[in-house]
Amino acid sequence: MNGATRTTTRDVPRTTARDVARNAVRAMLAEVALDLFRRDGFDNVTINDIAAAAGVSRSTVLRHFGTKEDAVLGALDAHGAQVADALRARPPAESDWVALRRALDIIVEIYRQDPAAALATTHLVLATPALHTRQWEKQHSWRPALTRALAERGASPLAGVVTHSVRAAAALDCLNIAIAHWARSGNTLDLAALLDEAFAALGP
Protein backbone atom coordinates (compact mmCIF):
# COMPACT_ATOMS: atom_id res chain seq x y z
CA MET A 1 0.00 0.00 0.00
CA ASN A 2 3.16 2.22 -0.06
CA GLY A 3 2.26 3.70 3.32
CA ALA A 4 -0.83 5.41 1.91
CA THR A 5 -4.09 5.42 3.79
CA ARG A 6 -6.93 4.06 1.73
CA THR A 7 -10.34 5.61 2.25
CA THR A 8 -13.08 3.04 2.55
CA THR A 9 -16.81 3.50 2.39
CA ARG A 10 -16.87 3.19 6.16
CA ASP A 11 -14.67 6.32 6.46
CA VAL A 12 -17.11 8.53 4.52
CA PRO A 13 -20.11 9.86 6.45
CA ARG A 14 -23.29 8.65 4.81
CA THR A 15 -26.36 10.79 4.30
CA THR A 16 -29.39 8.76 5.25
CA ALA A 17 -32.97 9.22 4.13
CA ARG A 18 -33.71 10.41 7.65
CA ASP A 19 -31.02 13.09 7.35
CA VAL A 20 -32.47 14.27 4.04
CA ALA A 21 -35.97 14.45 5.51
CA ARG A 22 -34.74 16.32 8.60
CA ASN A 23 -32.84 18.84 6.48
CA ALA A 24 -35.88 19.36 4.26
CA VAL A 25 -38.12 20.06 7.25
CA ARG A 26 -35.53 22.41 8.72
CA ALA A 27 -35.23 24.33 5.44
CA MET A 28 -39.02 24.57 5.13
CA LEU A 29 -39.40 25.88 8.69
CA ALA A 30 -36.64 28.45 8.14
CA GLU A 31 -38.34 29.69 4.95
CA VAL A 32 -41.72 29.97 6.69
CA ALA A 33 -40.17 31.80 9.63
CA LEU A 34 -38.33 34.26 7.38
CA ASP A 35 -41.50 35.02 5.45
CA LEU A 36 -43.33 35.77 8.69
CA PHE A 37 -40.49 37.87 10.09
CA ARG A 38 -40.26 39.96 6.95
CA ARG A 39 -44.03 40.41 6.76
CA ASP A 40 -44.93 40.99 10.40
CA GLY A 41 -41.64 41.97 12.03
CA PHE A 42 -39.35 39.71 14.02
CA ASP A 43 -40.59 40.81 17.44
CA ASN A 44 -44.23 40.24 16.51
CA VAL A 45 -43.82 36.59 15.49
CA THR A 46 -43.83 33.75 18.02
CA ILE A 47 -42.75 30.14 17.82
CA ASN A 48 -46.45 29.23 17.84
CA ASP A 49 -47.01 31.48 14.81
CA ILE A 50 -44.24 29.69 12.93
CA ALA A 51 -45.67 26.30 13.84
CA ALA A 52 -49.18 27.29 12.75
CA ALA A 53 -47.98 28.75 9.43
CA ALA A 54 -45.90 25.63 8.71
CA GLY A 55 -48.65 23.23 9.78
CA VAL A 56 -46.54 21.52 12.42
CA SER A 57 -46.45 21.40 16.22
CA ARG A 58 -44.57 23.84 18.42
CA SER A 59 -42.32 20.99 19.56
CA THR A 60 -41.35 20.28 15.94
CA VAL A 61 -40.18 23.87 15.48
CA LEU A 62 -38.23 23.79 18.75
CA ARG A 63 -36.63 20.47 17.79
CA HIS A 64 -35.05 22.15 14.79
CA PHE A 65 -34.57 25.67 16.16
CA GLY A 66 -34.13 26.38 19.84
CA THR A 67 -34.90 30.07 19.34
CA LYS A 68 -36.43 32.38 16.76
CA GLU A 69 -32.97 33.78 16.11
CA ASP A 70 -31.69 30.35 15.13
CA ALA A 71 -34.40 30.05 12.50
CA VAL A 72 -32.71 32.96 10.74
CA LEU A 73 -29.06 32.37 11.64
CA GLY A 74 -28.78 28.61 12.16
CA ALA A 75 -26.65 28.15 9.03
CA LEU A 76 -23.89 30.29 10.52
CA ASP A 77 -22.85 27.46 12.81
CA ALA A 78 -21.67 25.36 9.86
CA HIS A 79 -20.19 28.32 7.96
CA GLY A 80 -17.51 28.90 10.57
CA ALA A 81 -16.16 25.36 10.25
CA GLN A 82 -16.24 25.63 6.45
CA VAL A 83 -14.20 28.84 6.48
CA ALA A 84 -11.68 27.28 8.89
CA ASP A 85 -11.29 24.23 6.63
CA ALA A 86 -10.82 26.48 3.59
CA LEU A 87 -8.20 28.46 5.51
CA ARG A 88 -6.19 25.34 6.32
CA ALA A 89 -6.31 24.34 2.66
CA ARG A 90 -4.78 27.60 1.39
CA PRO A 91 -1.22 27.37 -0.05
CA PRO A 92 1.45 27.66 2.67
CA ALA A 93 3.19 30.42 0.70
CA GLU A 94 0.21 32.76 1.15
CA SER A 95 0.33 35.23 4.00
CA ASP A 96 -2.23 34.75 6.75
CA TRP A 97 -4.11 37.86 5.65
CA VAL A 98 -4.38 36.75 2.03
CA ALA A 99 -5.39 33.25 3.11
CA LEU A 100 -8.13 34.66 5.34
CA ARG A 101 -9.49 36.74 2.47
CA ARG A 102 -9.56 33.77 0.10
CA ALA A 103 -11.13 31.49 2.72
CA LEU A 104 -14.02 33.94 3.05
CA ASP A 105 -14.87 33.38 -0.62
CA ILE A 106 -17.04 30.55 0.74
CA ILE A 107 -19.32 33.13 2.35
CA VAL A 108 -19.30 35.32 -0.76
CA GLU A 109 -20.39 32.33 -2.85
CA ILE A 110 -23.27 31.59 -0.47
CA TYR A 111 -24.55 35.12 -1.00
CA ARG A 112 -24.13 34.81 -4.76
CA GLN A 113 -26.15 31.59 -4.95
CA ASP A 114 -29.37 33.34 -3.92
CA PRO A 115 -28.74 37.09 -3.66
CA ALA A 116 -32.42 37.99 -3.27
CA ALA A 117 -32.85 35.76 -0.22
CA ALA A 118 -29.47 36.81 1.19
CA LEU A 119 -30.37 40.46 0.78
CA ALA A 120 -33.74 40.07 2.48
CA THR A 121 -32.20 38.16 5.37
CA THR A 122 -29.37 40.68 5.78
CA HIS A 123 -31.82 43.59 5.86
CA LEU A 124 -33.82 41.75 8.52
CA VAL A 125 -30.72 41.13 10.63
CA LEU A 126 -29.49 44.72 10.34
CA ALA A 127 -32.90 46.05 11.33
CA THR A 128 -33.41 43.70 14.30
CA PRO A 129 -31.19 44.24 17.36
CA ALA A 130 -31.80 40.72 18.70
CA LEU A 131 -30.72 39.17 15.41
CA HIS A 132 -27.75 41.51 15.06
CA THR A 133 -26.54 40.53 18.53
CA ARG A 134 -27.07 36.82 17.90
CA GLN A 135 -25.20 37.04 14.60
CA TRP A 136 -22.25 38.64 16.37
CA GLU A 137 -22.30 35.89 19.02
CA LYS A 138 -22.29 33.16 16.39
CA GLN A 139 -19.50 34.75 14.39
CA HIS A 140 -17.54 35.33 17.59
CA SER A 141 -17.64 31.55 18.06
CA TRP A 142 -15.83 31.16 14.71
CA ARG A 143 -12.74 32.91 16.01
CA PRO A 144 -11.15 30.01 17.95
CA ALA A 145 -11.41 27.74 14.89
CA LEU A 146 -9.92 30.40 12.61
CA THR A 147 -7.17 31.08 15.14
CA ARG A 148 -6.26 27.38 15.27
CA ALA A 149 -6.34 27.14 11.48
CA LEU A 150 -3.90 30.05 11.18
CA ALA A 151 -1.55 28.41 13.67
CA GLU A 152 -1.76 25.07 11.87
CA ARG A 153 -0.90 26.67 8.53
CA GLY A 154 2.43 27.81 9.94
CA ALA A 155 2.71 30.68 7.45
CA SER A 156 3.67 33.03 10.30
CA PRO A 157 5.85 30.88 12.58
CA LEU A 158 6.77 33.82 14.82
CA ALA A 159 3.16 34.83 15.39
CA GLY A 160 1.52 33.83 18.64
CA VAL A 161 -2.08 33.11 19.55
CA VAL A 162 -2.80 36.81 20.18
CA THR A 163 -1.67 37.76 16.67
CA HIS A 164 -3.69 34.96 15.10
CA SER A 165 -6.75 35.90 17.17
CA VAL A 166 -6.51 39.55 16.16
CA ARG A 167 -6.20 38.63 12.49
CA ALA A 168 -9.22 36.31 12.69
CA ALA A 169 -11.29 38.98 14.44
CA ALA A 170 -10.26 41.65 11.95
CA ALA A 171 -11.16 39.40 9.03
CA LEU A 172 -14.65 38.87 10.42
CA ASP A 173 -15.08 42.61 10.95
CA CYS A 174 -14.08 43.17 7.32
CA LEU A 175 -16.67 40.59 6.27
CA ASN A 176 -19.46 42.22 8.27
CA ILE A 177 -18.64 45.72 7.04
CA ALA A 178 -18.58 44.52 3.42
CA ILE A 179 -21.90 42.68 3.83
CA ALA A 180 -23.54 45.73 5.41
CA HIS A 181 -22.43 47.98 2.54
CA TRP A 182 -23.54 45.38 0.02
CA ALA A 183 -26.98 45.17 1.62
CA ARG A 184 -27.40 48.93 1.75
CA SER A 185 -26.56 49.09 -1.95
CA GLY A 186 -29.38 46.66 -2.71
CA ASN A 187 -26.95 44.25 -4.38
CA THR A 188 -25.78 46.90 -6.83
CA LEU A 189 -22.24 46.66 -5.46
CA ASP A 190 -20.15 43.51 -5.75
CA LEU A 191 -19.67 41.79 -2.39
CA ALA A 192 -16.30 40.31 -3.33
CA ALA A 193 -14.98 43.72 -4.37
CA LEU A 194 -16.23 45.27 -1.13
CA LEU A 195 -14.50 42.54 0.85
CA ASP A 196 -11.30 43.11 -1.12
CA GLU A 197 -11.50 46.82 -0.29
CA ALA A 198 -12.03 46.12 3.40
CA PHE A 199 -9.05 43.76 3.55
CA ALA A 200 -6.89 46.22 1.63
CA ALA A 201 -7.57 48.86 4.26
CA LEU A 202 -5.81 46.71 6.86
CA GLY A 203 -3.34 44.94 4.62
CA PRO A 204 0.39 45.63 4.36
C-alpha atoms as a PDB file:
ATOM      1  CA  MET A   1       0.000   0.000   0.000  1.00  0.00           C
ATOM      2  CA  ASN A   2       3.156   2.223  -0.064  1.00  0.00           C
ATOM      3  CA  GLY A   3       2.264   3.701   3.317  1.00  0.00           C
ATOM      4  CA  ALA A   4      -0.828   5.405   1.907  1.00  0.00           C
ATOM      5  CA  THR A   5      -4.086   5.420   3.793  1.00  0.00           C
ATOM      6  CA  ARG A   6      -6.926   4.057   1.730  1.00  0.00           C
ATOM      7  CA  THR A   7     -10.345   5.605   2.249  1.00  0.00           C
ATOM      8  CA  THR A   8     -13.080   3.036   2.545  1.00  0.00           C
ATOM      9  CA  THR A   9     -16.810   3.503   2.386  1.00  0.00           C
ATOM     10  CA  ARG A  10     -16.865   3.186   6.164  1.00  0.00           C
ATOM     11  CA  ASP A  11     -14.669   6.322   6.457  1.00  0.00           C
ATOM     12  CA  VAL A  12     -17.106   8.529   4.516  1.00  0.00           C
ATOM     13  CA  PRO A  13     -20.109   9.858   6.445  1.00  0.00           C
ATOM     14  CA  ARG A  14     -23.293   8.649   4.815  1.00  0.00           C
ATOM     15  CA  THR A  15     -26.358  10.788   4.304  1.00  0.00           C
ATOM     16  CA  THR A  16     -29.390   8.758   5.253  1.00  0.00           C
ATOM     17  CA  ALA A  17     -32.972   9.223   4.131  1.00  0.00           C
ATOM     18  CA  ARG A  18     -33.709  10.412   7.650  1.00  0.00           C
ATOM     19  CA  ASP A  19     -31.015  13.095   7.347  1.00  0.00           C
ATOM     20  CA  VAL A  20     -32.469  14.268   4.041  1.00  0.00           C
ATOM     21  CA  ALA A  21     -35.971  14.449   5.513  1.00  0.00           C
ATOM     22  CA  ARG A  22     -34.736  16.315   8.599  1.00  0.00           C
ATOM     23  CA  ASN A  23     -32.840  18.840   6.483  1.00  0.00           C
ATOM     24  CA  ALA A  24     -35.877  19.356   4.258  1.00  0.00           C
ATOM     25  CA  VAL A  25     -38.124  20.062   7.247  1.00  0.00           C
ATOM     26  CA  ARG A  26     -35.526  22.415   8.725  1.00  0.00           C
ATOM     27  CA  ALA A  27     -35.231  24.334   5.438  1.00  0.00           C
ATOM     28  CA  MET A  28     -39.024  24.566   5.133  1.00  0.00           C
ATOM     29  CA  LEU A  29     -39.396  25.882   8.685  1.00  0.00           C
ATOM     30  CA  ALA A  30     -36.643  28.451   8.137  1.00  0.00           C
ATOM     31  CA  GLU A  31     -38.345  29.687   4.953  1.00  0.00           C
ATOM     32  CA  VAL A  32     -41.721  29.966   6.686  1.00  0.00           C
ATOM     33  CA  ALA A  33     -40.166  31.804   9.626  1.00  0.00           C
ATOM     34  CA  LEU A  34     -38.329  34.258   7.385  1.00  0.00           C
ATOM     35  CA  ASP A  35     -41.499  35.022   5.448  1.00  0.00           C
ATOM     36  CA  LEU A  36     -43.332  35.769   8.694  1.00  0.00           C
ATOM     37  CA  PHE A  37     -40.489  37.867  10.093  1.00  0.00           C
ATOM     38  CA  ARG A  38     -40.258  39.961   6.949  1.00  0.00           C
ATOM     39  CA  ARG A  39     -44.029  40.411   6.758  1.00  0.00           C
ATOM     40  CA  ASP A  40     -44.931  40.985  10.404  1.00  0.00           C
ATOM     41  CA  GLY A  41     -41.644  41.966  12.034  1.00  0.00           C
ATOM     42  CA  PHE A  42     -39.348  39.710  14.019  1.00  0.00           C
ATOM     43  CA  ASP A  43     -40.586  40.812  17.443  1.00  0.00           C
ATOM     44  CA  ASN A  44     -44.230  40.242  16.509  1.00  0.00           C
ATOM     45  CA  VAL A  45     -43.824  36.588  15.489  1.00  0.00           C
ATOM     46  CA  THR A  46     -43.834  33.745  18.019  1.00  0.00           C
ATOM     47  CA  ILE A  47     -42.749  30.136  17.818  1.00  0.00           C
ATOM     48  CA  ASN A  48     -46.452  29.233  17.844  1.00  0.00           C
ATOM     49  CA  ASP A  49     -47.010  31.476  14.814  1.00  0.00           C
ATOM     50  CA  ILE A  50     -44.237  29.692  12.928  1.00  0.00           C
ATOM     51  CA  ALA A  51     -45.671  26.298  13.841  1.00  0.00           C
ATOM     52  CA  ALA A  52     -49.176  27.293  12.750  1.00  0.00           C
ATOM     53  CA  ALA A  53     -47.975  28.749   9.433  1.00  0.00           C
ATOM     54  CA  ALA A  54     -45.901  25.627   8.715  1.00  0.00           C
ATOM     55  CA  GLY A  55     -48.653  23.225   9.782  1.00  0.00           C
ATOM     56  CA  VAL A  56     -46.537  21.520  12.425  1.00  0.00           C
ATOM     57  CA  SER A  57     -46.446  21.397  16.222  1.00  0.00           C
ATOM     58  CA  ARG A  58     -44.566  23.844  18.420  1.00  0.00           C
ATOM     59  CA  SER A  59     -42.319  20.987  19.564  1.00  0.00           C
ATOM     60  CA  THR A  60     -41.355  20.282  15.943  1.00  0.00           C
ATOM     61  CA  VAL A  61     -40.180  23.871  15.478  1.00  0.00           C
ATOM     62  CA  LEU A  62     -38.225  23.786  18.748  1.00  0.00           C
ATOM     63  CA  ARG A  63     -36.632  20.470  17.795  1.00  0.00           C
ATOM     64  CA  HIS A  64     -35.050  22.152  14.786  1.00  0.00           C
ATOM     65  CA  PHE A  65     -34.567  25.671  16.162  1.00  0.00           C
ATOM     66  CA  GLY A  66     -34.132  26.382  19.835  1.00  0.00           C
ATOM     67  CA  THR A  67     -34.905  30.070  19.344  1.00  0.00           C
ATOM     68  CA  LYS A  68     -36.430  32.380  16.759  1.00  0.00           C
ATOM     69  CA  GLU A  69     -32.967  33.780  16.113  1.00  0.00           C
ATOM     70  CA  ASP A  70     -31.685  30.346  15.134  1.00  0.00           C
ATOM     71  CA  ALA A  71     -34.401  30.054  12.497  1.00  0.00           C
ATOM     72  CA  VAL A  72     -32.708  32.963  10.735  1.00  0.00           C
ATOM     73  CA  LEU A  73     -29.059  32.366  11.643  1.00  0.00           C
ATOM     74  CA  GLY A  74     -28.778  28.606  12.159  1.00  0.00           C
ATOM     75  CA  ALA A  75     -26.653  28.149   9.032  1.00  0.00           C
ATOM     76  CA  LEU A  76     -23.890  30.294  10.515  1.00  0.00           C
ATOM     77  CA  ASP A  77     -22.848  27.458  12.809  1.00  0.00           C
ATOM     78  CA  ALA A  78     -21.669  25.364   9.859  1.00  0.00           C
ATOM     79  CA  HIS A  79     -20.190  28.315   7.963  1.00  0.00           C
ATOM     80  CA  GLY A  80     -17.506  28.900  10.574  1.00  0.00           C
ATOM     81  CA  ALA A  81     -16.157  25.359  10.252  1.00  0.00           C
ATOM     82  CA  GLN A  82     -16.240  25.632   6.454  1.00  0.00           C
ATOM     83  CA  VAL A  83     -14.199  28.838   6.482  1.00  0.00           C
ATOM     84  CA  ALA A  84     -11.677  27.282   8.891  1.00  0.00           C
ATOM     85  CA  ASP A  85     -11.294  24.230   6.627  1.00  0.00           C
ATOM     86  CA  ALA A  86     -10.816  26.476   3.594  1.00  0.00           C
ATOM     87  CA  LEU A  87      -8.203  28.464   5.510  1.00  0.00           C
ATOM     88  CA  ARG A  88      -6.191  25.337   6.324  1.00  0.00           C
ATOM     89  CA  ALA A  89      -6.306  24.341   2.661  1.00  0.00           C
ATOM     90  CA  ARG A  90      -4.779  27.597   1.386  1.00  0.00           C
ATOM     91  CA  PRO A  91      -1.225  27.370  -0.047  1.00  0.00           C
ATOM     92  CA  PRO A  92       1.454  27.664   2.666  1.00  0.00           C
ATOM     93  CA  ALA A  93       3.192  30.425   0.697  1.00  0.00           C
ATOM     94  CA  GLU A  94       0.209  32.755   1.154  1.00  0.00           C
ATOM     95  CA  SER A  95       0.328  35.228   4.000  1.00  0.00           C
ATOM     96  CA  ASP A  96      -2.227  34.746   6.750  1.00  0.00           C
ATOM     97  CA  TRP A  97      -4.108  37.856   5.649  1.00  0.00           C
ATOM     98  CA  VAL A  98      -4.380  36.753   2.029  1.00  0.00           C
ATOM     99  CA  ALA A  99      -5.387  33.250   3.107  1.00  0.00           C
ATOM    100  CA  LEU A 100      -8.127  34.655   5.338  1.00  0.00           C
ATOM    101  CA  ARG A 101      -9.487  36.736   2.467  1.00  0.00           C
ATOM    102  CA  ARG A 102      -9.555  33.771   0.100  1.00  0.00           C
ATOM    103  CA  ALA A 103     -11.129  31.488   2.719  1.00  0.00           C
ATOM    104  CA  LEU A 104     -14.017  33.938   3.050  1.00  0.00           C
ATOM    105  CA  ASP A 105     -14.867  33.375  -0.617  1.00  0.00           C
ATOM    106  CA  ILE A 106     -17.041  30.550   0.744  1.00  0.00           C
ATOM    107  CA  ILE A 107     -19.315  33.133   2.347  1.00  0.00           C
ATOM    108  CA  VAL A 108     -19.299  35.316  -0.758  1.00  0.00           C
ATOM    109  CA  GLU A 109     -20.387  32.334  -2.846  1.00  0.00           C
ATOM    110  CA  ILE A 110     -23.270  31.586  -0.472  1.00  0.00           C
ATOM    111  CA  TYR A 111     -24.546  35.122  -1.002  1.00  0.00           C
ATOM    112  CA  ARG A 112     -24.132  34.811  -4.756  1.00  0.00           C
ATOM    113  CA  GLN A 113     -26.152  31.594  -4.947  1.00  0.00           C
ATOM    114  CA  ASP A 114     -29.373  33.341  -3.920  1.00  0.00           C
ATOM    115  CA  PRO A 115     -28.740  37.086  -3.663  1.00  0.00           C
ATOM    116  CA  ALA A 116     -32.420  37.992  -3.268  1.00  0.00           C
ATOM    117  CA  ALA A 117     -32.845  35.756  -0.220  1.00  0.00           C
ATOM    118  CA  ALA A 118     -29.472  36.810   1.194  1.00  0.00           C
ATOM    119  CA  LEU A 119     -30.374  40.463   0.778  1.00  0.00           C
ATOM    120  CA  ALA A 120     -33.745  40.072   2.482  1.00  0.00           C
ATOM    121  CA  THR A 121     -32.197  38.159   5.371  1.00  0.00           C
ATOM    122  CA  THR A 122     -29.369  40.681   5.776  1.00  0.00           C
ATOM    123  CA  HIS A 123     -31.825  43.587   5.856  1.00  0.00           C
ATOM    124  CA  LEU A 124     -33.815  41.748   8.518  1.00  0.00           C
ATOM    125  CA  VAL A 125     -30.716  41.131  10.630  1.00  0.00           C
ATOM    126  CA  LEU A 126     -29.486  44.720  10.341  1.00  0.00           C
ATOM    127  CA  ALA A 127     -32.896  46.054  11.325  1.00  0.00           C
ATOM    128  CA  THR A 128     -33.407  43.701  14.301  1.00  0.00           C
ATOM    129  CA  PRO A 129     -31.187  44.237  17.361  1.00  0.00           C
ATOM    130  CA  ALA A 130     -31.803  40.716  18.699  1.00  0.00           C
ATOM    131  CA  LEU A 131     -30.715  39.169  15.409  1.00  0.00           C
ATOM    132  CA  HIS A 132     -27.747  41.510  15.055  1.00  0.00           C
ATOM    133  CA  THR A 133     -26.545  40.533  18.530  1.00  0.00           C
ATOM    134  CA  ARG A 134     -27.074  36.821  17.897  1.00  0.00           C
ATOM    135  CA  GLN A 135     -25.199  37.038  14.598  1.00  0.00           C
ATOM    136  CA  TRP A 136     -22.249  38.639  16.374  1.00  0.00           C
ATOM    137  CA  GLU A 137     -22.304  35.895  19.023  1.00  0.00           C
ATOM    138  CA  LYS A 138     -22.292  33.159  16.395  1.00  0.00           C
ATOM    139  CA  GLN A 139     -19.501  34.748  14.391  1.00  0.00           C
ATOM    140  CA  HIS A 140     -17.539  35.325  17.587  1.00  0.00           C
ATOM    141  CA  SER A 141     -17.641  31.549  18.063  1.00  0.00           C
ATOM    142  CA  TRP A 142     -15.825  31.157  14.708  1.00  0.00           C
ATOM    143  CA  ARG A 143     -12.741  32.914  16.013  1.00  0.00           C
ATOM    144  CA  PRO A 144     -11.154  30.009  17.950  1.00  0.00           C
ATOM    145  CA  ALA A 145     -11.408  27.744  14.888  1.00  0.00           C
ATOM    146  CA  LEU A 146      -9.918  30.402  12.608  1.00  0.00           C
ATOM    147  CA  THR A 147      -7.169  31.081  15.136  1.00  0.00           C
ATOM    148  CA  ARG A 148      -6.262  27.385  15.271  1.00  0.00           C
ATOM    149  CA  ALA A 149      -6.342  27.144  11.478  1.00  0.00           C
ATOM    150  CA  LEU A 150      -3.904  30.050  11.184  1.00  0.00           C
ATOM    151  CA  ALA A 151      -1.552  28.408  13.674  1.00  0.00           C
ATOM    152  CA  GLU A 152      -1.755  25.069  11.875  1.00  0.00           C
ATOM    153  CA  ARG A 153      -0.901  26.669   8.530  1.00  0.00           C
ATOM    154  CA  GLY A 154       2.433  27.812   9.937  1.00  0.00           C
ATOM    155  CA  ALA A 155       2.708  30.675   7.448  1.00  0.00           C
ATOM    156  CA  SER A 156       3.669  33.026  10.300  1.00  0.00           C
ATOM    157  CA  PRO A 157       5.850  30.879  12.582  1.00  0.00           C
ATOM    158  CA  LEU A 158       6.769  33.824  14.818  1.00  0.00           C
ATOM    159  CA  ALA A 159       3.161  34.832  15.391  1.00  0.00           C
ATOM    160  CA  GLY A 160       1.519  33.826  18.636  1.00  0.00           C
ATOM    161  CA  VAL A 161      -2.077  33.110  19.548  1.00  0.00           C
ATOM    162  CA  VAL A 162      -2.797  36.813  20.182  1.00  0.00           C
ATOM    163  CA  THR A 163      -1.670  37.756  16.666  1.00  0.00           C
ATOM    164  CA  HIS A 164      -3.688  34.961  15.103  1.00  0.00           C
ATOM    165  CA  SER A 165      -6.752  35.896  17.171  1.00  0.00           C
ATOM    166  CA  VAL A 166      -6.515  39.545  16.156  1.00  0.00           C
ATOM    167  CA  ARG A 167      -6.203  38.631  12.490  1.00  0.00           C
ATOM    168  CA  ALA A 168      -9.217  36.314  12.695  1.00  0.00           C
ATOM    169  CA  ALA A 169     -11.288  38.979  14.444  1.00  0.00           C
ATOM    170  CA  ALA A 170     -10.256  41.654  11.952  1.00  0.00           C
ATOM    171  CA  ALA A 171     -11.157  39.403   9.026  1.00  0.00           C
ATOM    172  CA  LEU A 172     -14.652  38.865  10.424  1.00  0.00           C
ATOM    173  CA  ASP A 173     -15.076  42.611  10.948  1.00  0.00           C
ATOM    174  CA  CYS A 174     -14.081  43.169   7.317  1.00  0.00           C
ATOM    175  CA  LEU A 175     -16.675  40.592   6.265  1.00  0.00           C
ATOM    176  CA  ASN A 176     -19.458  42.218   8.267  1.00  0.00           C
ATOM    177  CA  ILE A 177     -18.643  45.720   7.044  1.00  0.00           C
ATOM    178  CA  ALA A 178     -18.577  44.515   3.424  1.00  0.00           C
ATOM    179  CA  ILE A 179     -21.903  42.682   3.827  1.00  0.00           C
ATOM    180  CA  ALA A 180     -23.542  45.734   5.413  1.00  0.00           C
ATOM    181  CA  HIS A 181     -22.434  47.984   2.538  1.00  0.00           C
ATOM    182  CA  TRP A 182     -23.539  45.377   0.020  1.00  0.00           C
ATOM    183  CA  ALA A 183     -26.981  45.166   1.619  1.00  0.00           C
ATOM    184  CA  ARG A 184     -27.398  48.934   1.751  1.00  0.00           C
ATOM    185  CA  SER A 185     -26.560  49.092  -1.953  1.00  0.00           C
ATOM    186  CA  GLY A 186     -29.377  46.660  -2.706  1.00  0.00           C
ATOM    187  CA  ASN A 187     -26.946  44.249  -4.383  1.00  0.00           C
ATOM    188  CA  THR A 188     -25.783  46.899  -6.830  1.00  0.00           C
ATOM    189  CA  LEU A 189     -22.236  46.664  -5.456  1.00  0.00           C
ATOM    190  CA  ASP A 190     -20.148  43.514  -5.751  1.00  0.00           C
ATOM    191  CA  LEU A 191     -19.671  41.792  -2.393  1.00  0.00           C
ATOM    192  CA  ALA A 192     -16.299  40.307  -3.331  1.00  0.00           C
ATOM    193  CA  ALA A 193     -14.984  43.722  -4.375  1.00  0.00           C
ATOM    194  CA  LEU A 194     -16.231  45.273  -1.134  1.00  0.00           C
ATOM    195  CA  LEU A 195     -14.502  42.538   0.851  1.00  0.00           C
ATOM    196  CA  ASP A 196     -11.298  43.115  -1.119  1.00  0.00           C
ATOM    197  CA  GLU A 197     -11.502  46.825  -0.293  1.00  0.00           C
ATOM    198  CA  ALA A 198     -12.035  46.123   3.397  1.00  0.00           C
ATOM    199  CA  PHE A 199      -9.051  43.762   3.548  1.00  0.00           C
ATOM    200  CA  ALA A 200      -6.890  46.220   1.630  1.00  0.00           C
ATOM    201  CA  ALA A 201      -7.571  48.856   4.263  1.00  0.00           C
ATOM    202  CA  LEU A 202      -5.811  46.709   6.857  1.00  0.00           C
ATOM    203  CA  GLY A 203      -3.336  44.936   4.618  1.00  0.00           C
ATOM    204  CA  PRO A 204       0.394  45.631   4.364  1.00  0.00           C
END
